Structure formats: structure tokens, C-alpha cells
Amino acid sequence: MSFAAKITSKGQVTIPKKIRDRLNSNVVEFKLVKNNIVIKPVESVSGALSKYAKRRVPFKKARDLAWEKAAHDKTGK
């Protein structure tokens, strides 16, 4: 499977729907392998930040906890 996409002046690319559906994640990691770019889904924050993570945390859970902390810090509730 191969698709072409234009890079915008801001460096953005739209990932084709068929590929997004296969990724099964809305967070991706880019890796350069022998002059080829590999895009892979990030299913866990510890996957992308493994050298900083002490345990595997699903991305959705980490995001939800961050929002809760931000709301608490802002409102005190």
C-alpha cells in the first residue's frame, strides 16, 4: 500500500484515512530508518517516553489524568 501526500508550508501532512484506520491511535512516532521514514502508533505514553517511564501507562489514561490535574489546579476542586 502506498499513498502520496503534500507537505504544507507549516510542515503538516494529512495521513490518509486507510492508514489512520490501521494505526488505531491518534498519536504516532516517526522514526528514520536507512533514509526511510517509518510511522508507528503510540499506544502507551511509556512507549514514546520509555526512558522516562517507570511503568506502562495507556495514553488515554495519562491524558485524562493530566486534564484532571489541570482542572484541579485551576479550580482548586
PDB file of N, CA and C in Angstrom:
ATOM      1  N   MET A   1       0.857  -1.164   0.000  1.00  0.00           N
ATOM      2  CA  MET A   1       0.000   0.000   0.000  1.00  0.00           C
ATOM      3  C   MET A   1       0.908   1.233   0.000  1.00  0.00           C
ATOM      4  N   SER A   2       0.611   2.182  -0.856  1.00  0.00           N
ATOM      5  CA  SER A   2       1.417   3.397  -0.962  1.00  0.00           C
ATOM      6  C   SER A   2       0.508   4.584  -1.264  1.00  0.00           C
ATOM      7  N   PHE A   3       0.773   5.718  -0.608  1.00  0.00           N
ATOM      8  CA  PHE A   3      -0.007   6.935  -0.808  1.00  0.00           C
ATOM      9  C   PHE A   3       0.947   8.113  -0.925  1.00  0.00           C
ATOM     10  N   ALA A   4       0.533   9.123  -1.655  1.00  0.00           N
ATOM     11  CA  ALA A   4       1.308  10.365  -1.758  1.00  0.00           C
ATOM     12  C   ALA A   4       0.547  11.459  -1.016  1.00  0.00           C
ATOM     13  N   ALA A   5       1.296  12.366  -0.383  1.00  0.00           N
ATOM     14  CA  ALA A   5       0.671  13.477   0.336  1.00  0.00           C
ATOM     15  C   ALA A   5       1.571  14.695   0.216  1.00  0.00           C
ATOM     16  N   LYS A   6       0.957  15.875   0.217  1.00  0.00           N
ATOM     17  CA  LYS A   6       1.706  17.127   0.118  1.00  0.00           C
ATOM     18  C   LYS A   6       2.049  17.632   1.521  1.00  0.00           C
ATOM     19  N   ILE A   7       3.254  18.128   1.684  1.00  0.00           N
ATOM     20  CA  ILE A   7       3.673  18.735   2.949  1.00  0.00           C
ATOM     21  C   ILE A   7       3.360  20.228   2.854  1.00  0.00           C
ATOM     22  N   THR A   8       2.602  20.750   3.828  1.00  0.00           N
ATOM     23  CA  THR A   8       2.224  22.163   3.806  1.00  0.00           C
ATOM     24  C   THR A   8       3.419  23.031   4.203  1.00  0.00           C
ATOM     25  N   SER A   9       3.268  24.334   4.050  1.00  0.00           N
ATOM     26  CA  SER A   9       4.341  25.255   4.425  1.00  0.00           C
ATOM     27  C   SER A   9       4.630  25.214   5.932  1.00  0.00           C
ATOM     28  N   LYS A  10       3.664  24.717   6.711  1.00  0.00           N
ATOM     29  CA  LYS A  10       3.856  24.571   8.156  1.00  0.00           C
ATOM     30  C   LYS A  10       4.414  23.191   8.517  1.00  0.00           C
ATOM     31  N   GLY A  11       4.743  22.375   7.520  1.00  0.00           N
ATOM     32  CA  GLY A  11       5.311  21.056   7.768  1.00  0.00           C
ATOM     33  C   GLY A  11       4.285  20.002   8.117  1.00  0.00           C
ATOM     34  N   GLN A  12       3.028  20.256   7.785  1.00  0.00           N
ATOM     35  CA  GLN A  12       1.959  19.317   8.124  1.00  0.00           C
ATOM     36  C   GLN A  12       1.613  18.427   6.936  1.00  0.00           C
ATOM     37  N   VAL A  13       1.211  17.191   7.265  1.00  0.00           N
ATOM     38  CA  VAL A  13       0.779  16.217   6.255  1.00  0.00           C
ATOM     39  C   VAL A  13      -0.487  15.565   6.776  1.00  0.00           C
ATOM     40  N   THR A  14      -1.458  15.359   5.901  1.00  0.00           N
ATOM     41  CA  THR A  14      -2.653  14.622   6.283  1.00  0.00           C
ATOM     42  C   THR A  14      -2.389  13.142   6.022  1.00  0.00           C
ATOM     43  N   ILE A  15      -2.514  12.335   7.069  1.00  0.00           N
ATOM     44  CA  ILE A  15      -2.326  10.893   6.915  1.00  0.00           C
ATOM     45  C   ILE A  15      -3.608  10.329   6.300  1.00  0.00           C
ATOM     46  N   PRO A  16      -3.495   9.622   5.173  1.00  0.00           N
ATOM     47  CA  PRO A  16      -4.691   9.081   4.521  1.00  0.00           C
ATOM     48  C   PRO A  16      -5.529   8.207   5.469  1.00  0.00           C
ATOM     49  N   LYS A  17      -6.849   8.262   5.291  1.00  0.00           N
ATOM     50  CA  LYS A  17      -7.789   7.571   6.176  1.00  0.00           C
ATOM     51  C   LYS A  17      -7.489   6.079   6.297  1.00  0.00           C
ATOM     52  N   LYS A  18      -7.169   5.413   5.187  1.00  0.00           N
ATOM     53  CA  LYS A  18      -6.891   3.970   5.258  1.00  0.00           C
ATOM     54  C   LYS A  18      -5.712   3.675   6.192  1.00  0.00           C
ATOM     55  N   ILE A  19      -4.731   4.561   6.209  1.00  0.00           N
ATOM     56  CA  ILE A  19      -3.579   4.363   7.091  1.00  0.00           C
ATOM     57  C   ILE A  19      -3.954   4.708   8.527  1.00  0.00           C
ATOM     58  N   ARG A  20      -4.704   5.814   8.734  1.00  0.00           N
ATOM     59  CA  ARG A  20      -5.149   6.177  10.091  1.00  0.00           C
ATOM     60  C   ARG A  20      -5.957   5.056  10.714  1.00  0.00           C
ATOM     61  N   ASP A  21      -6.818   4.431   9.919  1.00  0.00           N
ATOM     62  CA  ASP A  21      -7.634   3.321  10.423  1.00  0.00           C
ATOM     63  C   ASP A  21      -6.756   2.155  10.884  1.00  0.00           C
ATOM     64  N   ARG A  22      -5.679   1.906  10.181  1.00  0.00           N
ATOM     65  CA  ARG A  22      -4.770   0.807  10.535  1.00  0.00           C
ATOM     66  C   ARG A  22      -3.922   1.150  11.761  1.00  0.00           C
ATOM     67  N   LEU A  23      -3.627   2.446  11.969  1.00  0.00           N
ATOM     68  CA  LEU A  23      -2.805   2.851  13.109  1.00  0.00           C
ATOM     69  C   LEU A  23      -3.499   2.579  14.435  1.00  0.00           C
ATOM     70  N   ASN A  24      -4.815   2.783  14.468  1.00  0.00           N
ATOM     71  CA  ASN A  24      -5.596   2.536  15.677  1.00  0.00           C
ATOM     72  C   ASN A  24      -5.146   3.411  16.850  1.00  0.00           C
ATOM     73  N   SER A  25      -4.617   4.600  16.550  1.00  0.00           N
ATOM     74  CA  SER A  25      -4.162   5.543  17.578  1.00  0.00           C
ATOM     75  C   SER A  25      -4.129   6.926  16.951  1.00  0.00           C
ATOM     76  N   ASN A  26      -4.313   7.967  17.756  1.00  0.00           N
ATOM     77  CA  ASN A  26      -4.207   9.318  17.207  1.00  0.00           C
ATOM     78  C   ASN A  26      -2.882   9.974  17.596  1.00  0.00           C
ATOM     79  N   VAL A  27      -1.955   9.165  18.110  1.00  0.00           N
ATOM     80  CA  VAL A  27      -0.608   9.625  18.440  1.00  0.00           C
ATOM     81  C   VAL A  27       0.368   8.708  17.708  1.00  0.00           C
ATOM     82  N   VAL A  28       1.303   9.303  16.981  1.00  0.00           N
ATOM     83  CA  VAL A  28       2.247   8.496  16.206  1.00  0.00           C
ATOM     84  C   VAL A  28       3.686   8.872  16.528  1.00  0.00           C
ATOM     85  N   GLU A  29       4.586   7.965  16.238  1.00  0.00           N
ATOM     86  CA  GLU A  29       6.020   8.164  16.404  1.00  0.00           C
ATOM     87  C   GLU A  29       6.650   8.082  15.016  1.00  0.00           C
ATOM     88  N   PHE A  30       7.568   8.999  14.718  1.00  0.00           N
ATOM     89  CA  PHE A  30       8.293   8.983  13.452  1.00  0.00           C
ATOM     90  C   PHE A  30       9.692   8.454  13.725  1.00  0.00           C
ATOM     91  N   LYS A  31      10.159   7.568  12.845  1.00  0.00           N
ATOM     92  CA  LYS A  31      11.493   7.002  13.009  1.00  0.00           C
ATOM     93  C   LYS A  31      12.170   6.995  11.646  1.00  0.00           C
ATOM     94  N   LEU A  32      13.427   7.409  11.594  1.00  0.00           N
ATOM     95  CA  LEU A  32      14.192   7.404  10.355  1.00  0.00           C
ATOM     96  C   LEU A  32      15.020   6.126  10.324  1.00  0.00           C
ATOM     97  N   VAL A  33      14.757   5.280   9.320  1.00  0.00           N
ATOM     98  CA  VAL A  33      15.455   4.003   9.178  1.00  0.00           C
ATOM     99  C   VAL A  33      16.029   3.929   7.766  1.00  0.00           C
ATOM    100  N   LYS A  34      17.352   4.033   7.667  1.00  0.00           N
ATOM    101  CA  LYS A  34      18.043   3.950   6.363  1.00  0.00           C
ATOM    102  C   LYS A  34      17.386   4.853   5.322  1.00  0.00           C
ATOM    103  N   ASN A  35      17.233   6.126   5.622  1.00  0.00           N
ATOM    104  CA  ASN A  35      16.649   7.126   4.724  1.00  0.00           C
ATOM    105  C   ASN A  35      15.181   6.884   4.400  1.00  0.00           C
ATOM    106  N   ASN A  36      14.504   6.063   5.171  1.00  0.00           N
ATOM    107  CA  ASN A  36      13.065   5.863   5.051  1.00  0.00           C
ATOM    108  C   ASN A  36      12.415   6.312   6.354  1.00  0.00           C
ATOM    109  N   ILE A  37      11.241   6.885   6.247  1.00  0.00           N
ATOM    110  CA  ILE A  37      10.514   7.324   7.437  1.00  0.00           C
ATOM    111  C   ILE A  37       9.472   6.263   7.775  1.00  0.00           C
ATOM    112  N   VAL A  38       9.508   5.805   9.009  1.00  0.00           N
ATOM    113  CA  VAL A  38       8.548   4.818   9.498  1.00  0.00           C
ATOM    114  C   VAL A  38       7.639   5.532  10.484  1.00  0.00           C
ATOM    115  N   ILE A  39       6.330   5.383  10.304  1.00  0.00           N
ATOM    116  CA  ILE A  39       5.354   5.955  11.230  1.00  0.00           C
ATOM    117  C   ILE A  39       4.708   4.795  11.961  1.00  0.00           C
ATOM    118  N   LYS A  40       4.763   4.837  13.295  1.00  0.00           N
ATOM    119  CA  LYS A  40       4.122   3.773  14.053  1.00  0.00           C
ATOM    120  C   LYS A  40       3.251   4.362  15.148  1.00  0.00           C
ATOM    121  N   PRO A  41       2.163   3.667  15.494  1.00  0.00           N
ATOM    122  CA  PRO A  41       1.263   4.184  16.520  1.00  0.00           C
ATOM    123  C   PRO A  41       1.903   4.142  17.897  1.00  0.00           C
ATOM    124  N   VAL A  42       1.532   5.119  18.729  1.00  0.00           N
ATOM    125  CA  VAL A  42       1.951   5.129  20.129  1.00  0.00           C
ATOM    126  C   VAL A  42       0.713   4.736  20.924  1.00  0.00           C
ATOM    127  N   GLU A  43       0.755   3.551  21.515  1.00  0.00           N
ATOM    128  CA  GLU A  43      -0.396   3.054  22.259  1.00  0.00           C
ATOM    129  C   GLU A  43      -0.290   3.363  23.740  1.00  0.00           C
ATOM    130  N   SER A  44       0.926   3.700  24.195  1.00  0.00           N
ATOM    131  CA  SER A  44       1.150   3.972  25.598  1.00  0.00           C
ATOM    132  C   SER A  44       2.143   5.114  25.715  1.00  0.00           C
ATOM    133  N   VAL A  45       1.954   5.961  26.695  1.00  0.00           N
ATOM    134  CA  VAL A  45       2.887   7.054  26.912  1.00  0.00           C
ATOM    135  C   VAL A  45       4.278   6.491  27.169  1.00  0.00           C
ATOM    136  N   SER A  46       4.367   5.384  27.866  1.00  0.00           N
ATOM    137  CA  SER A  46       5.684   4.822  28.151  1.00  0.00           C
ATOM    138  C   SER A  46       6.350   4.301  26.886  1.00  0.00           C
ATOM    139  N   GLY A  47       5.579   4.043  25.827  1.00  0.00           N
ATOM    140  CA  GLY A  47       6.185   3.642  24.565  1.00  0.00           C
ATOM    141  C   GLY A  47       6.986   4.782  23.958  1.00  0.00           C
ATOM    142  N   ALA A  48       6.435   5.977  23.959  1.00  0.00           N
ATOM    143  CA  ALA A  48       7.117   7.132  23.390  1.00  0.00           C
ATOM    144  C   ALA A  48       8.141   7.714  24.357  1.00  0.00           C
ATOM    145  N   LEU A  49       7.887   7.549  25.629  1.00  0.00           N
ATOM    146  CA  LEU A  49       8.751   8.153  26.643  1.00  0.00           C
ATOM    147  C   LEU A  49       9.362   7.079  27.540  1.00  0.00           C
ATOM    148  N   SER A  50       9.694   5.928  26.950  1.00  0.00           N
ATOM    149  CA  SER A  50      10.104   4.772  27.738  1.00  0.00           C
ATOM    150  C   SER A  50      11.282   5.042  28.656  1.00  0.00           C
ATOM    151  N   LYS A  51      12.208   5.910  28.240  1.00  0.00           N
ATOM    152  CA  LYS A  51      13.343   6.145  29.123  1.00  0.00           C
ATOM    153  C   LYS A  51      12.964   6.960  30.357  1.00  0.00           C
ATOM    154  N   TYR A  52      11.786   7.600  30.328  1.00  0.00           N
ATOM    155  CA  TYR A  52      11.325   8.380  31.475  1.00  0.00           C
ATOM    156  C   TYR A  52      10.263   7.642  32.291  1.00  0.00           C
ATOM    157  N   ALA A  53       9.638   6.652  31.696  1.00  0.00           N
ATOM    158  CA  ALA A  53       8.500   5.979  32.332  1.00  0.00           C
ATOM    159  C   ALA A  53       8.961   4.876  33.279  1.00  0.00           C
ATOM    160  N   LYS A  54       8.244   4.744  34.384  1.00  0.00           N
ATOM    161  CA  LYS A  54       8.530   3.672  35.321  1.00  0.00           C
ATOM    162  C   LYS A  54       7.626   2.472  35.047  1.00  0.00           C
ATOM    163  N   ARG A  55       6.476   2.709  34.469  1.00  0.00           N
ATOM    164  CA  ARG A  55       5.561   1.624  34.123  1.00  0.00           C
ATOM    165  C   ARG A  55       4.756   2.028  32.901  1.00  0.00           C
ATOM    166  N   ARG A  56       4.152   1.043  32.262  1.00  0.00           N
ATOM    167  CA  ARG A  56       3.355   1.290  31.055  1.00  0.00           C
ATOM    168  C   ARG A  56       2.035   1.951  31.440  1.00  0.00           C
ATOM    169  N   VAL A  57       1.751   3.110  30.833  1.00  0.00           N
ATOM    170  CA  VAL A  57       0.513   3.840  31.094  1.00  0.00           C
ATOM    171  C   VAL A  57      -0.177   4.100  29.764  1.00  0.00           C
ATOM    172  N   PRO A  58      -1.411   3.606  29.588  1.00  0.00           N
ATOM    173  CA  PRO A  58      -2.118   3.887  28.333  1.00  0.00           C
ATOM    174  C   PRO A  58      -2.224   5.398  28.106  1.00  0.00           C
ATOM    175  N   PHE A  59      -2.049   5.827  26.855  1.00  0.00           N
ATOM    176  CA  PHE A  59      -2.049   7.242  26.527  1.00  0.00           C
ATOM    177  C   PHE A  59      -3.329   7.926  26.998  1.00  0.00           C
ATOM    178  N   LYS A  60      -4.486   7.304  26.756  1.00  0.00           N
ATOM    179  CA  LYS A  60      -5.767   7.919  27.145  1.00  0.00           C
ATOM    180  C   LYS A  60      -5.813   8.164  28.649  1.00  0.00           C
ATOM    181  N   LYS A  61      -5.329   7.207  29.437  1.00  0.00           N
ATOM    182  CA  LYS A  61      -5.351   7.377  30.889  1.00  0.00           C
ATOM    183  C   LYS A  61      -4.433   8.530  31.315  1.00  0.00           C
ATOM    184  N   ALA A  62      -3.246   8.606  30.737  1.00  0.00           N
ATOM    185  CA  ALA A  62      -2.312   9.683  31.076  1.00  0.00           C
ATOM    186  C   ALA A  62      -2.897  11.044  30.700  1.00  0.00           C
ATOM    187  N   ARG A  63      -3.548  11.119  29.540  1.00  0.00           N
ATOM    188  CA  ARG A  63      -4.166  12.376  29.104  1.00  0.00           C
ATOM    189  C   ARG A  63      -5.293  12.768  30.049  1.00  0.00           C
ATOM    190  N   ASP A  64      -6.141  11.798  30.417  1.00  0.00           N
ATOM    191  CA  ASP A  64      -7.256  12.087  31.322  1.00  0.00           C
ATOM    192  C   ASP A  64      -6.753  12.565  32.686  1.00  0.00           C
ATOM    193  N   LEU A  65      -5.700  11.928  33.195  1.00  0.00           N
ATOM    194  CA  LEU A  65      -5.134  12.351  34.472  1.00  0.00           C
ATOM    195  C   LEU A  65      -4.563  13.766  34.388  1.00  0.00           C
ATOM    196  N   ALA A  66      -3.922  14.080  33.272  1.00  0.00           N
ATOM    197  CA  ALA A  66      -3.365  15.431  33.084  1.00  0.00           C
ATOM    198  C   ALA A  66      -4.482  16.471  33.061  1.00  0.00           C
ATOM    199  N   TRP A  67      -5.591  16.172  32.383  1.00  0.00           N
ATOM    200  CA  TRP A  67      -6.725  17.113  32.346  1.00  0.00           C
ATOM    201  C   TRP A  67      -7.319  17.301  33.741  1.00  0.00           C
ATOM    202  N   GLU A  68      -7.442  16.191  34.488  1.00  0.00           N
ATOM    203  CA  GLU A  68      -7.981  16.284  35.846  1.00  0.00           C
ATOM    204  C   GLU A  68      -7.088  17.157  36.724  1.00  0.00           C
ATOM    205  N   LYS A  69      -5.776  16.959  36.633  1.00  0.00           N
ATOM    206  CA  LYS A  69      -4.840  17.755  37.429  1.00  0.00           C
ATOM    207  C   LYS A  69      -4.911  19.228  37.028  1.00  0.00           C
ATOM    208  N   ALA A  70      -4.995  19.502  35.730  1.00  0.00           N
ATOM    209  CA  ALA A  70      -5.072  20.889  35.262  1.00  0.00           C
ATOM    210  C   ALA A  70      -6.357  21.550  35.766  1.00  0.00           C
ATOM    211  N   ALA A  71      -7.464  20.811  35.725  1.00  0.00           N
ATOM    212  CA  ALA A  71      -8.745  21.354  36.216  1.00  0.00           C
ATOM    213  C   ALA A  71      -8.673  21.603  37.715  1.00  0.00           C
ATOM    214  N   HIS A  72      -8.072  20.666  38.438  1.00  0.00           N
ATOM    215  CA  HIS A  72      -7.944  20.825  39.893  1.00  0.00           C
ATOM    216  C   HIS A  72      -7.053  22.039  40.230  1.00  0.00           C
ATOM    217  N   ASP A  73      -5.943  22.155  39.532  1.00  0.00           N
ATOM    218  CA  ASP A  73      -5.036  23.275  39.773  1.00  0.00           C
ATOM    219  C   ASP A  73      -5.709  24.621  39.486  1.00  0.00           C
ATOM    220  N   LYS A  74      -6.568  24.649  38.478  1.00  0.00           N
ATOM    221  CA  LYS A  74      -7.229  25.902  38.076  1.00  0.00           C
ATOM    222  C   LYS A  74      -8.372  26.257  39.025  1.00  0.00           C
ATOM    223  N   THR A  75      -9.142  25.225  39.456  1.00  0.00           N
ATOM    224  CA  THR A  75     -10.346  25.497  40.252  1.00  0.00           C
ATOM    225  C   THR A  75     -10.171  25.195  41.733  1.00  0.00           C
ATOM    226  N   GLY A  76      -9.144  24.404  42.062  1.00  0.00           N
ATOM    227  CA  GLY A  76      -8.964  24.000  43.456  1.00  0.00           C
ATOM    228  C   GLY A  76      -9.933  22.903  43.869  1.00  0.00           C
ATOM    229  N   LYS A  77     -10.672  22.356  42.914  1.00  0.00           N
ATOM    230  CA  LYS A  77     -11.656  21.281  43.218  1.00  0.00           C
ATOM    231  C   LYS A  77     -11.211  19.979  42.615  1.00  0.00           C
TER     232      LYS A  77
END
